[in-house]
């Protein structure tokens, strides 16, 4: 039995699939591998600046075949304005906790410590002060991960 596919449908379908793949690919600004956890990669998703606060969003992915556990203190995260040689740490709230998440516990101002099953993901967000000299790019440092370099901060407004 022969099925009739309207003429022009296949190029249309190809264009739709191409645009969908392009849209998904634009969601990741940079990807870095964890230095010691096999199969764990970290995607930088967003770098928004609003009201002098930079919000960075990441997705941690376990692409390996086994479960992994990753822990770090938010106090060990920072961004660097390399052009002006300035280092910035995450913002804290009135109780001395880092404005970041998810938070496993409040040790040292807040700690990320979560299991990542094989094929699993976990989101992370961290708020920093906007670099005062408005650099073109920054570098982002998370414990155990190669730096995200030459990252542009994007204004939300």
Foldseek 3Di string as FASTA:
>chain_A
DDDDDDPPVVVVVVVVVVVVVVVVVLQFPDKWAFQPDPQKIKTWGAFEDDPQKTKTKIKIWRQDQAKDKDKDAQQPKWKALVVVGDIWGFDADPVQAGPKDDFPDCPPRGMDIDMAGHGGMDMIMTMIGHPPVQHQAMWIDDPRIDIDGRHGHHYPD
